[in-house]
C-alpha cells in the first residue's frame, strides 16, 4: 500500500489497564504509524503508555455508552481528524461507532473482535471485521471477515548455557520435565482444574501470574500434596525466557477466549497442549487438545504428552515454523493494511 492513510483507532477500555487487546492495539497502531498517520482515541490514562509515533486523543471512556457527551467528544475528534478509516477495538468501541456510522458515510468503519464474548449486533453494521481467530467469526457474514492473528515482537532466544543457568536458578535438574502455565489467576483460566490434573504426574509446574484466586490455589496445592511439584512465580517480565526453559506449556482455560500465551509459546518453540476453546484448534491438532473443565481428560492428555517429550519438539516443527512466519507484528500489520485497501477499493 503506497498511499499514506489517515487512520483513527478507538479503544474504549477505561482506567489505563494493559491487557491483551490494549497491548495489541498499541503495537498495531505503532506499526501502522511507520507508513500512515495514525490517531488513537482512548481513555486519558493510556496517554502515558501510548507509543510516541501515534497521535493520542484523550476521551473520558469512564462515561456510560448512553451518555450523549461521550458521543459528542468522539464526533468532535473525528471531525477534526477527517480519517479515511475508523478502526474500533472490541465491543464497547464498536457499539459507540456503530451508532454514529450514518453520520460519517464517507469513512470506512472496521472492527476487531478480540474474543467470542465480545460479539454483538453492532459488528453487523461494520464495513469490515477483523477476527483474531476463526472461532470468533461464527455467525458473521464471511464476505466482510478477515482472520488476522495477533503479531508478536520476536523474542531473544536463549543460548544452551543460558538455559542451563536459568534452570539452576529455579533449582531444576537437567533432565527434570518442566511444565508452565501462564495467566491471570482467575476461575476462567482453569488453574484449579490443572492442579487436580497434575496429581499422579512427575513433572514440575511453574504457574506465572497473579490474581484473586492465588490463595485458594495455593491452599489447593497443599490439599493435593503438590508442594514439591508446583511453584507460583507471580507476575514476571521474563515470560519468553521461562517458556524457552519449559518442556510443555499448558493452557487449561474453561471459557471461550483466544489465549495469547499460546502464540508466545509457539513463537519461541515451546510445545503447547490446551483445552479446545477460543480458536486453539486453529493451531493445534485434535491430539493436543482436550475438553475444558474436565480434570480426567486433562490428566490423560498431560500423561500422554509427558511420555513422548523426547519426540514432541520434532513433531511440533511445522507448527513452530508457521508461527514464526505468521505471528509477527510485520505480518499482522501487512495483512491489516491489505484489508484496509480492499475495503477502500470496494467503497469507491
C-alpha atoms as a PDB file:
ATOM      1  CA  UNK A   1       0.000   0.000   0.000  1.00  0.00           C
ATOM      2  CA  UNK A   2       1.765   3.161  -1.205  1.00  0.00           C
ATOM      3  CA  UNK A   3      -0.844   5.762  -0.321  1.00  0.00           C
ATOM      4  CA  UNK A   4      -0.476   7.361   3.094  1.00  0.00           C
ATOM      5  CA  UNK A   5      -3.732   6.984   5.007  1.00  0.00           C
ATOM      6  CA  UNK A   6      -5.252   8.824   7.928  1.00  0.00           C
ATOM      7  CA  UNK A   7      -6.493   6.163  10.365  1.00  0.00           C
ATOM      8  CA  UNK A   8      -8.342   6.600  13.666  1.00  0.00           C
ATOM      9  CA  UNK A   9      -8.344   3.714  16.133  1.00  0.00           C
ATOM     10  CA  UNK A  10     -10.839   3.775  19.002  1.00  0.00           C
ATOM     11  CA  UNK A  11     -10.104   1.826  22.198  1.00  0.00           C
ATOM     12  CA  UNK A  12     -12.869   2.230  24.778  1.00  0.00           C
ATOM     13  CA  UNK A  13     -11.266   0.419  27.724  1.00  0.00           C
ATOM     14  CA  UNK A  14     -11.221   2.577  30.827  1.00  0.00           C
ATOM     15  CA  UNK A  15      -8.645   3.078  33.562  1.00  0.00           C
ATOM     16  CA  UNK A  16      -5.350   2.505  31.755  1.00  0.00           C
ATOM     17  CA  UNK A  17      -5.187  -1.271  32.321  1.00  0.00           C
ATOM     18  CA  UNK A  18      -2.945  -3.022  29.766  1.00  0.00           C
ATOM     19  CA  UNK A  19      -4.404  -6.393  28.808  1.00  0.00           C
ATOM     20  CA  UNK A  20      -4.051  -8.406  25.628  1.00  0.00           C
ATOM     21  CA  UNK A  21      -6.337  -6.262  23.459  1.00  0.00           C
ATOM     22  CA  UNK A  22      -4.759  -2.987  24.659  1.00  0.00           C
ATOM     23  CA  UNK A  23      -1.234  -4.287  24.031  1.00  0.00           C
ATOM     24  CA  UNK A  24      -2.316  -5.441  20.563  1.00  0.00           C
ATOM     25  CA  UNK A  25      -3.842  -2.040  19.783  1.00  0.00           C
ATOM     26  CA  UNK A  26      -0.686  -0.160  20.772  1.00  0.00           C
ATOM     27  CA  UNK A  27       1.564  -2.480  18.755  1.00  0.00           C
ATOM     28  CA  UNK A  28      -0.634  -2.391  15.651  1.00  0.00           C
ATOM     29  CA  UNK A  29      -1.058   1.392  15.767  1.00  0.00           C
ATOM     30  CA  UNK A  30       2.676   1.947  16.246  1.00  0.00           C
ATOM     31  CA  UNK A  31       3.497  -0.340  13.304  1.00  0.00           C
ATOM     32  CA  UNK A  32       0.892   1.321  11.061  1.00  0.00           C
ATOM     33  CA  UNK A  33       2.269   4.754  12.041  1.00  0.00           C
ATOM     34  CA  UNK A  34       5.556   3.891  10.316  1.00  0.00           C
ATOM     35  CA  UNK A  35       3.744   4.499   6.995  1.00  0.00           C
ATOM     36  CA  UNK A  36       0.485   6.258   7.858  1.00  0.00           C
ATOM     37  CA  UNK A  37      -0.952   8.998  10.047  1.00  0.00           C
ATOM     38  CA  UNK A  38      -2.434   7.114  12.976  1.00  0.00           C
ATOM     39  CA  UNK A  39      -4.649   8.570  15.692  1.00  0.00           C
ATOM     40  CA  UNK A  40      -5.790   6.766  18.835  1.00  0.00           C
ATOM     41  CA  UNK A  41      -8.890   7.794  20.787  1.00  0.00           C
ATOM     42  CA  UNK A  42      -8.581   6.257  24.244  1.00  0.00           C
ATOM     43  CA  UNK A  43      -9.108   6.876  27.948  1.00  0.00           C
ATOM     44  CA  UNK A  44      -6.800   9.575  29.339  1.00  0.00           C
ATOM     45  CA  UNK A  45      -4.567   7.241  31.457  1.00  0.00           C
ATOM     46  CA  UNK A  46      -3.421   5.457  28.272  1.00  0.00           C
ATOM     47  CA  UNK A  47      -1.690   8.640  27.124  1.00  0.00           C
ATOM     48  CA  UNK A  48       1.264   7.753  29.371  1.00  0.00           C
ATOM     49  CA  UNK A  49       1.911   4.380  27.699  1.00  0.00           C
ATOM     50  CA  UNK A  50       0.861   5.265  24.147  1.00  0.00           C
ATOM     51  CA  UNK A  51       3.777   4.960  21.666  1.00  0.00           C
ATOM     52  CA  UNK A  52       5.138   8.362  20.663  1.00  0.00           C
ATOM     53  CA  UNK A  53       4.551   7.962  16.917  1.00  0.00           C
ATOM     54  CA  UNK A  54       0.767   7.738  17.488  1.00  0.00           C
ATOM     55  CA  UNK A  55      -1.333  10.903  17.787  1.00  0.00           C
ATOM     56  CA  UNK A  56      -3.210  10.440  21.073  1.00  0.00           C
ATOM     57  CA  UNK A  57      -6.651  11.912  21.835  1.00  0.00           C
ATOM     58  CA  UNK A  58      -7.880  11.627  25.430  1.00  0.00           C
ATOM     59  CA  UNK A  59     -11.550  10.662  25.698  1.00  0.00           C
ATOM     60  CA  UNK A  60     -13.295  10.026  29.021  1.00  0.00           C
ATOM     61  CA  UNK A  61     -14.365   6.428  28.406  1.00  0.00           C
ATOM     62  CA  UNK A  62     -15.405   6.013  32.038  1.00  0.00           C
ATOM     63  CA  UNK A  63     -18.676   7.607  30.909  1.00  0.00           C
ATOM     64  CA  UNK A  64     -21.614   5.357  30.107  1.00  0.00           C
ATOM     65  CA  UNK A  65     -22.119   4.440  26.454  1.00  0.00           C
ATOM     66  CA  UNK A  66     -25.557   6.056  26.879  1.00  0.00           C
ATOM     67  CA  UNK A  67     -24.028   9.440  27.756  1.00  0.00           C
ATOM     68  CA  UNK A  68     -24.565  11.903  24.851  1.00  0.00           C
ATOM     69  CA  UNK A  69     -21.450  13.873  25.864  1.00  0.00           C
ATOM     70  CA  UNK A  70     -19.277  10.825  25.141  1.00  0.00           C
ATOM     71  CA  UNK A  71     -20.585  10.702  21.566  1.00  0.00           C
ATOM     72  CA  UNK A  72     -20.115  14.452  21.208  1.00  0.00           C
ATOM     73  CA  UNK A  73     -16.448  14.126  22.256  1.00  0.00           C
ATOM     74  CA  UNK A  74     -15.785  11.360  19.732  1.00  0.00           C
ATOM     75  CA  UNK A  75     -17.601  13.154  16.892  1.00  0.00           C
ATOM     76  CA  UNK A  76     -15.611  16.347  17.520  1.00  0.00           C
ATOM     77  CA  UNK A  77     -12.307  14.485  17.275  1.00  0.00           C
ATOM     78  CA  UNK A  78     -13.364  12.617  14.119  1.00  0.00           C
ATOM     79  CA  UNK A  79     -14.480  15.879  12.503  1.00  0.00           C
ATOM     80  CA  UNK A  80     -11.081  17.394  13.249  1.00  0.00           C
ATOM     81  CA  UNK A  81      -9.107  14.362  12.045  1.00  0.00           C
ATOM     82  CA  UNK A  82     -11.167  13.543   8.926  1.00  0.00           C
ATOM     83  CA  UNK A  83      -9.830   9.966   8.688  1.00  0.00           C
ATOM     84  CA  UNK A  84     -10.429   7.617   5.766  1.00  0.00           C
ATOM     85  CA  UNK A  85     -10.688   4.676   8.187  1.00  0.00           C
ATOM     86  CA  UNK A  86     -12.096   4.299  11.699  1.00  0.00           C
ATOM     87  CA  UNK A  87     -10.978   1.095  13.397  1.00  0.00           C
ATOM     88  CA  UNK A  88     -12.855   0.146  16.588  1.00  0.00           C
ATOM     89  CA  UNK A  89     -11.172  -2.250  19.002  1.00  0.00           C
ATOM     90  CA  UNK A  90     -13.596  -4.649  20.764  1.00  0.00           C
ATOM     91  CA  UNK A  91     -17.211  -4.476  21.921  1.00  0.00           C
ATOM     92  CA  UNK A  92     -17.783  -1.109  23.594  1.00  0.00           C
ATOM     93  CA  UNK A  93     -15.890   0.814  20.904  1.00  0.00           C
ATOM     94  CA  UNK A  94     -17.854  -0.985  18.170  1.00  0.00           C
ATOM     95  CA  UNK A  95     -21.180  -0.155  19.803  1.00  0.00           C
ATOM     96  CA  UNK A  96     -20.195   3.510  20.082  1.00  0.00           C
ATOM     97  CA  UNK A  97     -19.090   3.939  16.458  1.00  0.00           C
ATOM     98  CA  UNK A  98     -21.968   1.886  15.026  1.00  0.00           C
ATOM     99  CA  UNK A  99     -24.428   4.477  16.330  1.00  0.00           C
ATOM    100  CA  UNK A 100     -22.588   7.347  14.638  1.00  0.00           C
ATOM    101  CA  UNK A 101     -21.703   5.472  11.434  1.00  0.00           C
ATOM    102  CA  UNK A 102     -24.575   7.006   9.467  1.00  0.00           C
ATOM    103  CA  UNK A 103     -23.114  10.464  10.156  1.00  0.00           C
ATOM    104  CA  UNK A 104     -19.774   9.596   8.506  1.00  0.00           C
ATOM    105  CA  UNK A 105     -20.822   7.665   5.416  1.00  0.00           C
ATOM    106  CA  UNK A 106     -17.655   8.647   3.539  1.00  0.00           C
ATOM    107  CA  UNK A 107     -15.492   6.820   6.129  1.00  0.00           C
ATOM    108  CA  UNK A 108     -14.712   3.083   6.197  1.00  0.00           C
ATOM    109  CA  UNK A 109     -15.632   1.509   9.555  1.00  0.00           C
ATOM    110  CA  UNK A 110     -13.713  -1.562  10.728  1.00  0.00           C
ATOM    111  CA  UNK A 111     -13.958  -3.515  13.977  1.00  0.00           C
ATOM    112  CA  UNK A 112     -11.695  -6.080  15.622  1.00  0.00           C
ATOM    113  CA  UNK A 113     -13.210  -8.949  17.607  1.00  0.00           C
ATOM    114  CA  UNK A 114     -10.786  -9.852  20.389  1.00  0.00           C
ATOM    115  CA  UNK A 115     -12.844 -12.688  21.839  1.00  0.00           C
ATOM    116  CA  UNK A 116     -16.092 -14.509  21.098  1.00  0.00           C
ATOM    117  CA  UNK A 117     -17.803 -12.989  24.147  1.00  0.00           C
ATOM    118  CA  UNK A 118     -17.428  -9.505  22.615  1.00  0.00           C
ATOM    119  CA  UNK A 119     -19.656 -10.210  19.605  1.00  0.00           C
ATOM    120  CA  UNK A 120     -22.838  -8.138  19.398  1.00  0.00           C
ATOM    121  CA  UNK A 121     -25.134  -6.811  16.683  1.00  0.00           C
ATOM    122  CA  UNK A 122     -23.013  -3.698  16.244  1.00  0.00           C
ATOM    123  CA  UNK A 123     -20.426  -5.762  14.330  1.00  0.00           C
ATOM    124  CA  UNK A 124     -23.014  -6.431  11.620  1.00  0.00           C
ATOM    125  CA  UNK A 125     -23.085  -2.742  10.678  1.00  0.00           C
ATOM    126  CA  UNK A 126     -19.332  -2.501  10.107  1.00  0.00           C
ATOM    127  CA  UNK A 127     -17.823  -2.357   6.605  1.00  0.00           C
ATOM    128  CA  UNK A 128     -15.247  -4.919   7.654  1.00  0.00           C
ATOM    129  CA  UNK A 129     -14.484  -7.111  10.659  1.00  0.00           C
ATOM    130  CA  UNK A 130     -11.097  -8.471  11.757  1.00  0.00           C
ATOM    131  CA  UNK A 131     -11.152 -11.578  13.940  1.00  0.00           C
ATOM    132  CA  UNK A 132      -8.149 -12.788  15.911  1.00  0.00           C
ATOM    133  CA  UNK A 133      -9.169 -16.437  15.448  1.00  0.00           C
ATOM    134  CA  UNK A 134     -11.608 -18.484  13.374  1.00  0.00           C
ATOM    135  CA  UNK A 135     -13.940 -19.317  16.271  1.00  0.00           C
ATOM    136  CA  UNK A 136     -14.695 -15.634  16.820  1.00  0.00           C
ATOM    137  CA  UNK A 137     -16.384 -15.167  13.437  1.00  0.00           C
ATOM    138  CA  UNK A 138     -19.113 -17.778  13.747  1.00  0.00           C
ATOM    139  CA  UNK A 139     -22.442 -16.235  12.789  1.00  0.00           C
ATOM    140  CA  UNK A 140     -20.962 -13.270  10.928  1.00  0.00           C
ATOM    141  CA  UNK A 141     -21.108 -12.708   7.181  1.00  0.00           C
ATOM    142  CA  UNK A 142     -17.940 -14.297   5.687  1.00  0.00           C
ATOM    143  CA  UNK A 143     -17.512 -11.750   2.882  1.00  0.00           C
ATOM    144  CA  UNK A 144     -16.678  -8.943   5.302  1.00  0.00           C
ATOM    145  CA  UNK A 145     -14.470 -11.020   7.636  1.00  0.00           C
ATOM    146  CA  UNK A 146     -10.689 -11.291   7.686  1.00  0.00           C
ATOM    147  CA  UNK A 147      -8.894 -13.522  10.221  1.00  0.00           C
ATOM    148  CA  UNK A 148      -5.643 -11.833  11.269  1.00  0.00           C
ATOM    149  CA  UNK A 149      -3.746 -13.319  14.191  1.00  0.00           C
ATOM    150  CA  UNK A 150      -2.034 -11.108  16.740  1.00  0.00           C
ATOM    151  CA  UNK A 151       1.582 -10.442  15.881  1.00  0.00           C
ATOM    152  CA  UNK A 152       4.367 -10.612  18.428  1.00  0.00           C
ATOM    153  CA  UNK A 153       7.766  -8.996  18.694  1.00  0.00           C
ATOM    154  CA  UNK A 154      10.486 -11.618  18.041  1.00  0.00           C
ATOM    155  CA  UNK A 155      11.932 -12.906  21.315  1.00  0.00           C
ATOM    156  CA  UNK A 156      15.625 -13.248  22.007  1.00  0.00           C
ATOM    157  CA  UNK A 157      16.390 -16.958  22.077  1.00  0.00           C
ATOM    158  CA  UNK A 158      18.405 -18.346  24.982  1.00  0.00           C
ATOM    159  CA  UNK A 159      21.760 -19.998  24.344  1.00  0.00           C
ATOM    160  CA  UNK A 160      22.300 -23.506  25.799  1.00  0.00           C
ATOM    161  CA  UNK A 161      24.471 -22.244  28.683  1.00  0.00           C
ATOM    162  CA  UNK A 162      21.846 -19.584  29.487  1.00  0.00           C
ATOM    163  CA  UNK A 163      19.145 -22.258  29.618  1.00  0.00           C
ATOM    164  CA  UNK A 164      21.277 -24.342  31.983  1.00  0.00           C
ATOM    165  CA  UNK A 165      21.926 -21.351  34.242  1.00  0.00           C
ATOM    166  CA  UNK A 166      18.255 -20.394  34.276  1.00  0.00           C
ATOM    167  CA  UNK A 167      17.177 -23.917  35.253  1.00  0.00           C
ATOM    168  CA  UNK A 168      19.761 -23.986  38.051  1.00  0.00           C
ATOM    169  CA  UNK A 169      18.369 -20.727  39.466  1.00  0.00           C
ATOM    170  CA  UNK A 170      14.962 -22.426  39.580  1.00  0.00           C
ATOM    171  CA  UNK A 171      16.539 -25.473  41.299  1.00  0.00           C
ATOM    172  CA  UNK A 172      15.719 -27.768  38.373  1.00  0.00           C
ATOM    173  CA  UNK A 173      17.830 -30.787  37.443  1.00  0.00           C
ATOM    174  CA  UNK A 174      18.842 -31.057  33.731  1.00  0.00           C
ATOM    175  CA  UNK A 175      16.510 -33.967  32.954  1.00  0.00           C
ATOM    176  CA  UNK A 176      13.537 -32.939  35.085  1.00  0.00           C
ATOM    177  CA  UNK A 177      10.362 -32.416  32.976  1.00  0.00           C
ATOM    178  CA  UNK A 178       9.078 -28.863  33.354  1.00  0.00           C
ATOM    179  CA  UNK A 179       5.591 -27.556  32.557  1.00  0.00           C
ATOM    180  CA  UNK A 180       4.480 -23.940  32.623  1.00  0.00           C
ATOM    181  CA  UNK A 181       1.062 -22.273  32.800  1.00  0.00           C
ATOM    182  CA  UNK A 182       0.704 -18.522  32.376  1.00  0.00           C
ATOM    183  CA  UNK A 183      -2.190 -16.170  33.003  1.00  0.00           C
ATOM    184  CA  UNK A 184      -4.230 -14.209  35.499  1.00  0.00           C
ATOM    185  CA  UNK A 185      -5.193 -16.339  38.495  1.00  0.00           C
ATOM    186  CA  UNK A 186      -8.954 -16.198  37.965  1.00  0.00           C
ATOM    187  CA  UNK A 187     -11.556 -19.006  37.704  1.00  0.00           C
ATOM    188  CA  UNK A 188     -11.934 -18.678  33.931  1.00  0.00           C
ATOM    189  CA  UNK A 189      -8.308 -19.682  33.353  1.00  0.00           C
ATOM    190  CA  UNK A 190      -8.867 -23.128  34.899  1.00  0.00           C
ATOM    191  CA  UNK A 191      -5.761 -23.368  37.087  1.00  0.00           C
ATOM    192  CA  UNK A 192      -7.706 -25.363  39.701  1.00  0.00           C
ATOM    193  CA  UNK A 193      -8.524 -27.939  37.009  1.00  0.00           C
ATOM    194  CA  UNK A 194      -4.838 -28.069  36.025  1.00  0.00           C
ATOM    195  CA  UNK A 195      -3.695 -28.636  39.615  1.00  0.00           C
ATOM    196  CA  UNK A 196      -6.099 -31.533  40.047  1.00  0.00           C
ATOM    197  CA  UNK A 197      -4.978 -32.960  36.694  1.00  0.00           C
ATOM    198  CA  UNK A 198      -1.325 -32.823  37.829  1.00  0.00           C
ATOM    199  CA  UNK A 199      -1.897 -35.382  40.604  1.00  0.00           C
ATOM    200  CA  UNK A 200      -0.043 -38.543  39.597  1.00  0.00           C
ATOM    201  CA  UNK A 201       2.307 -36.823  37.120  1.00  0.00           C
ATOM    202  CA  UNK A 202       6.016 -36.376  37.796  1.00  0.00           C
ATOM    203  CA  UNK A 203       6.772 -33.093  36.013  1.00  0.00           C
ATOM    204  CA  UNK A 204       7.228 -29.838  37.882  1.00  0.00           C
ATOM    205  CA  UNK A 205       4.830 -26.997  37.123  1.00  0.00           C
ATOM    206  CA  UNK A 206       5.547 -23.253  37.133  1.00  0.00           C
ATOM    207  CA  UNK A 207       2.492 -21.003  37.430  1.00  0.00           C
ATOM    208  CA  UNK A 208       3.188 -17.471  36.231  1.00  0.00           C
ATOM    209  CA  UNK A 209       0.723 -14.700  37.014  1.00  0.00           C
ATOM    210  CA  UNK A 210      -1.212 -13.020  39.808  1.00  0.00           C
ATOM    211  CA  UNK A 211      -4.886 -12.719  40.654  1.00  0.00           C
ATOM    212  CA  UNK A 212      -7.616 -13.063  43.219  1.00  0.00           C
ATOM    213  CA  UNK A 213      -7.509 -16.889  43.177  1.00  0.00           C
ATOM    214  CA  UNK A 214      -3.869 -17.224  44.273  1.00  0.00           C
ATOM    215  CA  UNK A 215      -4.502 -18.028  47.962  1.00  0.00           C
ATOM    216  CA  UNK A 216      -7.223 -20.513  47.043  1.00  0.00           C
ATOM    217  CA  UNK A 217      -4.911 -22.205  44.521  1.00  0.00           C
ATOM    218  CA  UNK A 218      -2.016 -22.329  46.998  1.00  0.00           C
ATOM    219  CA  UNK A 219      -4.342 -23.965  49.517  1.00  0.00           C
ATOM    220  CA  UNK A 220      -5.393 -26.492  46.859  1.00  0.00           C
ATOM    221  CA  UNK A 221      -1.718 -27.331  46.233  1.00  0.00           C
ATOM    222  CA  UNK A 222      -1.439 -28.240  49.930  1.00  0.00           C
ATOM    223  CA  UNK A 223      -4.617 -30.321  49.895  1.00  0.00           C
ATOM    224  CA  UNK A 224      -3.387 -32.239  46.831  1.00  0.00           C
ATOM    225  CA  UNK A 225       0.131 -32.638  48.323  1.00  0.00           C
ATOM    226  CA  UNK A 226       1.776 -30.975  45.334  1.00  0.00           C
ATOM    227  CA  UNK A 227       4.086 -28.654  47.311  1.00  0.00           C
ATOM    228  CA  UNK A 228       7.252 -30.230  45.849  1.00  0.00           C
ATOM    229  CA  UNK A 229       5.853 -30.108  42.318  1.00  0.00           C
ATOM    230  CA  UNK A 230       4.042 -26.787  41.830  1.00  0.00           C
ATOM    231  CA  UNK A 231       5.626 -23.334  42.183  1.00  0.00           C
ATOM    232  CA  UNK A 232       3.931 -19.920  41.971  1.00  0.00           C
ATOM    233  CA  UNK A 233       6.260 -17.331  40.403  1.00  0.00           C
ATOM    234  CA  UNK A 234       3.874 -14.359  40.454  1.00  0.00           C
ATOM    235  CA  UNK A 235       3.972 -11.679  37.758  1.00  0.00           C
ATOM    236  CA  UNK A 236       7.162 -11.939  35.665  1.00  0.00           C
ATOM    237  CA  UNK A 237       8.836  -9.851  32.995  1.00  0.00           C
ATOM    238  CA  UNK A 238      10.825 -12.802  31.600  1.00  0.00           C
ATOM    239  CA  UNK A 239       7.913 -14.905  30.303  1.00  0.00           C
ATOM    240  CA  UNK A 240       9.654 -15.534  26.965  1.00  0.00           C
ATOM    241  CA  UNK A 241      12.716 -16.972  28.729  1.00  0.00           C
ATOM    242  CA  UNK A 242      10.572 -19.121  31.029  1.00  0.00           C
ATOM    243  CA  UNK A 243       8.737 -20.545  28.017  1.00  0.00           C
ATOM    244  CA  UNK A 244      12.062 -21.473  26.457  1.00  0.00           C
ATOM    245  CA  UNK A 245      13.034 -23.383  29.612  1.00  0.00           C
ATOM    246  CA  UNK A 246       9.809 -25.363  29.727  1.00  0.00           C
ATOM    247  CA  UNK A 247       9.211 -28.694  28.022  1.00  0.00           C
ATOM    248  CA  UNK A 248       5.491 -28.002  27.796  1.00  0.00           C
ATOM    249  CA  UNK A 249       3.108 -25.048  28.063  1.00  0.00           C
ATOM    250  CA  UNK A 250      -0.335 -25.993  29.383  1.00  0.00           C
ATOM    251  CA  UNK A 251      -3.420 -23.815  28.731  1.00  0.00           C
ATOM    252  CA  UNK A 252      -6.346 -25.049  30.873  1.00  0.00           C
ATOM    253  CA  UNK A 253      -8.831 -22.217  30.164  1.00  0.00           C
ATOM    254  CA  UNK A 254     -12.505 -23.017  30.664  1.00  0.00           C
ATOM    255  CA  UNK A 255     -14.110 -20.145  28.711  1.00  0.00           C
ATOM    256  CA  UNK A 256     -14.032 -19.177  25.037  1.00  0.00           C
ATOM    257  CA  UNK A 257     -11.260 -16.619  24.682  1.00  0.00           C
ATOM    258  CA  UNK A 258      -8.221 -16.829  22.436  1.00  0.00           C
ATOM    259  CA  UNK A 259      -5.096 -17.476  24.579  1.00  0.00           C
ATOM    260  CA  UNK A 260      -2.299 -15.121  23.530  1.00  0.00           C
ATOM    261  CA  UNK A 261       0.145 -17.188  25.594  1.00  0.00           C
ATOM    262  CA  UNK A 262      -0.237 -19.976  23.031  1.00  0.00           C
ATOM    263  CA  UNK A 263       1.143 -17.704  20.334  1.00  0.00           C
ATOM    264  CA  UNK A 264       4.018 -16.606  22.587  1.00  0.00           C
ATOM    265  CA  UNK A 265       4.904 -20.228  23.314  1.00  0.00           C
ATOM    266  CA  UNK A 266       4.782 -21.357  19.691  1.00  0.00           C
ATOM    267  CA  UNK A 267       6.940 -18.474  18.528  1.00  0.00           C
ATOM    268  CA  UNK A 268       9.789 -19.463  20.883  1.00  0.00           C
ATOM    269  CA  UNK A 269       9.459 -23.190  20.196  1.00  0.00           C
ATOM    270  CA  UNK A 270       7.678 -24.372  23.349  1.00  0.00           C
ATOM    271  CA  UNK A 271       5.158 -27.198  22.696  1.00  0.00           C
ATOM    272  CA  UNK A 272       1.595 -26.485  23.842  1.00  0.00           C
ATOM    273  CA  UNK A 273      -1.365 -28.544  24.958  1.00  0.00           C
ATOM    274  CA  UNK A 274      -4.672 -26.818  25.637  1.00  0.00           C
ATOM    275  CA  UNK A 275      -8.376 -27.062  26.158  1.00  0.00           C
ATOM    276  CA  UNK A 276     -10.382 -26.873  22.949  1.00  0.00           C
ATOM    277  CA  UNK A 277     -11.616 -23.286  23.338  1.00  0.00           C
ATOM    278  CA  UNK A 278     -11.405 -19.948  21.544  1.00  0.00           C
ATOM    279  CA  UNK A 279      -9.576 -20.963  18.410  1.00  0.00           C
ATOM    280  CA  UNK A 280      -6.840 -23.144  19.924  1.00  0.00           C
ATOM    281  CA  UNK A 281      -7.732 -25.636  17.188  1.00  0.00           C
ATOM    282  CA  UNK A 282      -6.631 -23.017  14.620  1.00  0.00           C
ATOM    283  CA  UNK A 283      -3.089 -24.017  15.586  1.00  0.00           C
ATOM    284  CA  UNK A 284      -3.164 -27.324  17.464  1.00  0.00           C
ATOM    285  CA  UNK A 285      -4.272 -30.749  16.190  1.00  0.00           C
ATOM    286  CA  UNK A 286      -7.000 -32.672  17.998  1.00  0.00           C
ATOM    287  CA  UNK A 287      -4.456 -34.936  19.726  1.00  0.00           C
ATOM    288  CA  UNK A 288      -3.083 -31.940  21.658  1.00  0.00           C
ATOM    289  CA  UNK A 289      -6.478 -30.696  22.838  1.00  0.00           C
ATOM    290  CA  UNK A 290      -8.982 -31.784  25.464  1.00  0.00           C
ATOM    291  CA  UNK A 291     -12.445 -30.587  26.582  1.00  0.00           C
ATOM    292  CA  UNK A 292     -12.474 -27.625  29.012  1.00  0.00           C
ATOM    293  CA  UNK A 293     -13.221 -28.016  32.737  1.00  0.00           C
ATOM    294  CA  UNK A 294     -12.519 -31.768  32.626  1.00  0.00           C
ATOM    295  CA  UNK A 295      -9.887 -32.956  35.125  1.00  0.00           C
ATOM    296  CA  UNK A 296      -9.756 -36.545  33.857  1.00  0.00           C
ATOM    297  CA  UNK A 297      -9.353 -35.517  30.201  1.00  0.00           C
ATOM    298  CA  UNK A 298      -6.601 -33.018  31.010  1.00  0.00           C
ATOM    299  CA  UNK A 299      -4.809 -35.561  33.227  1.00  0.00           C
ATOM    300  CA  UNK A 300      -4.845 -38.111  30.402  1.00  0.00           C
ATOM    301  CA  UNK A 301      -3.542 -35.521  27.922  1.00  0.00           C
ATOM    302  CA  UNK A 302      -0.770 -34.483  30.339  1.00  0.00           C
ATOM    303  CA  UNK A 303       0.336 -38.079  30.901  1.00  0.00           C
ATOM    304  CA  UNK A 304       0.264 -38.962  27.200  1.00  0.00           C
ATOM    305  CA  UNK A 305       2.235 -35.845  26.266  1.00  0.00           C
ATOM    306  CA  UNK A 306       4.840 -36.159  29.036  1.00  0.00           C
ATOM    307  CA  UNK A 307       5.537 -39.752  27.931  1.00  0.00           C
ATOM    308  CA  UNK A 308       6.604 -38.544  24.484  1.00  0.00           C
ATOM    309  CA  UNK A 309       8.550 -35.399  25.360  1.00  0.00           C
ATOM    310  CA  UNK A 310      11.620 -36.759  23.564  1.00  0.00           C
ATOM    311  CA  UNK A 311       9.904 -36.520  20.158  1.00  0.00           C
ATOM    312  CA  UNK A 312       7.451 -33.727  20.895  1.00  0.00           C
ATOM    313  CA  UNK A 313       9.559 -30.796  19.646  1.00  0.00           C
ATOM    314  CA  UNK A 314      10.342 -32.636  16.404  1.00  0.00           C
ATOM    315  CA  UNK A 315       6.650 -33.298  15.785  1.00  0.00           C
ATOM    316  CA  UNK A 316       5.939 -29.650  16.515  1.00  0.00           C
ATOM    317  CA  UNK A 317       8.380 -28.252  13.929  1.00  0.00           C
ATOM    318  CA  UNK A 318       5.731 -27.454  11.246  1.00  0.00           C
ATOM    319  CA  UNK A 319       3.662 -25.560  13.841  1.00  0.00           C
ATOM    320  CA  UNK A 320       6.716 -23.658  15.090  1.00  0.00           C
ATOM    321  CA  UNK A 321       7.688 -22.674  11.530  1.00  0.00           C
ATOM    322  CA  UNK A 322       4.164 -21.469  10.763  1.00  0.00           C
ATOM    323  CA  UNK A 323       4.140 -19.402  13.970  1.00  0.00           C
ATOM    324  CA  UNK A 324       7.453 -17.741  13.113  1.00  0.00           C
ATOM    325  CA  UNK A 325       6.083 -16.767   9.687  1.00  0.00           C
ATOM    326  CA  UNK A 326       2.563 -15.630  10.642  1.00  0.00           C
ATOM    327  CA  UNK A 327       2.761 -14.384  14.222  1.00  0.00           C
ATOM    328  CA  UNK A 328       4.962 -11.336  13.664  1.00  0.00           C
ATOM    329  CA  UNK A 329       3.992  -7.689  14.012  1.00  0.00           C
ATOM    330  CA  UNK A 330       5.136  -7.058  10.434  1.00  0.00           C
ATOM    331  CA  UNK A 331       2.902  -9.845   9.130  1.00  0.00           C
ATOM    332  CA  UNK A 332      -0.074  -8.688  11.180  1.00  0.00           C
ATOM    333  CA  UNK A 333       0.399  -5.092  10.021  1.00  0.00           C
ATOM    334  CA  UNK A 334       0.768  -6.031   6.364  1.00  0.00           C
ATOM    335  CA  UNK A 335      -2.418  -8.120   6.392  1.00  0.00           C
ATOM    336  CA  UNK A 336      -4.298  -5.306   8.164  1.00  0.00           C
ATOM    337  CA  UNK A 337      -3.147  -2.775   5.535  1.00  0.00           C
ATOM    338  CA  UNK A 338      -4.221  -5.117   2.738  1.00  0.00           C
ATOM    339  CA  UNK A 339      -7.677  -5.387   4.322  1.00  0.00           C
ATOM    340  CA  UNK A 340      -7.914  -1.595   4.595  1.00  0.00           C
ATOM    341  CA  UNK A 341      -7.009  -1.280   0.919  1.00  0.00           C
ATOM    342  CA  UNK A 342      -9.540  -3.910  -0.188  1.00  0.00           C
ATOM    343  CA  UNK A 343     -12.336  -2.172   1.724  1.00  0.00           C
ATOM    344  CA  UNK A 344     -11.376   1.253   0.368  1.00  0.00           C
ATOM    345  CA  UNK A 345     -11.483  -0.072  -3.197  1.00  0.00           C
ATOM    346  CA  UNK A 346     -14.929  -1.622  -2.582  1.00  0.00           C
ATOM    347  CA  UNK A 347     -16.151   1.661  -1.127  1.00  0.00           C
ATOM    348  CA  UNK A 348     -15.045   3.592  -4.228  1.00  0.00           C
END
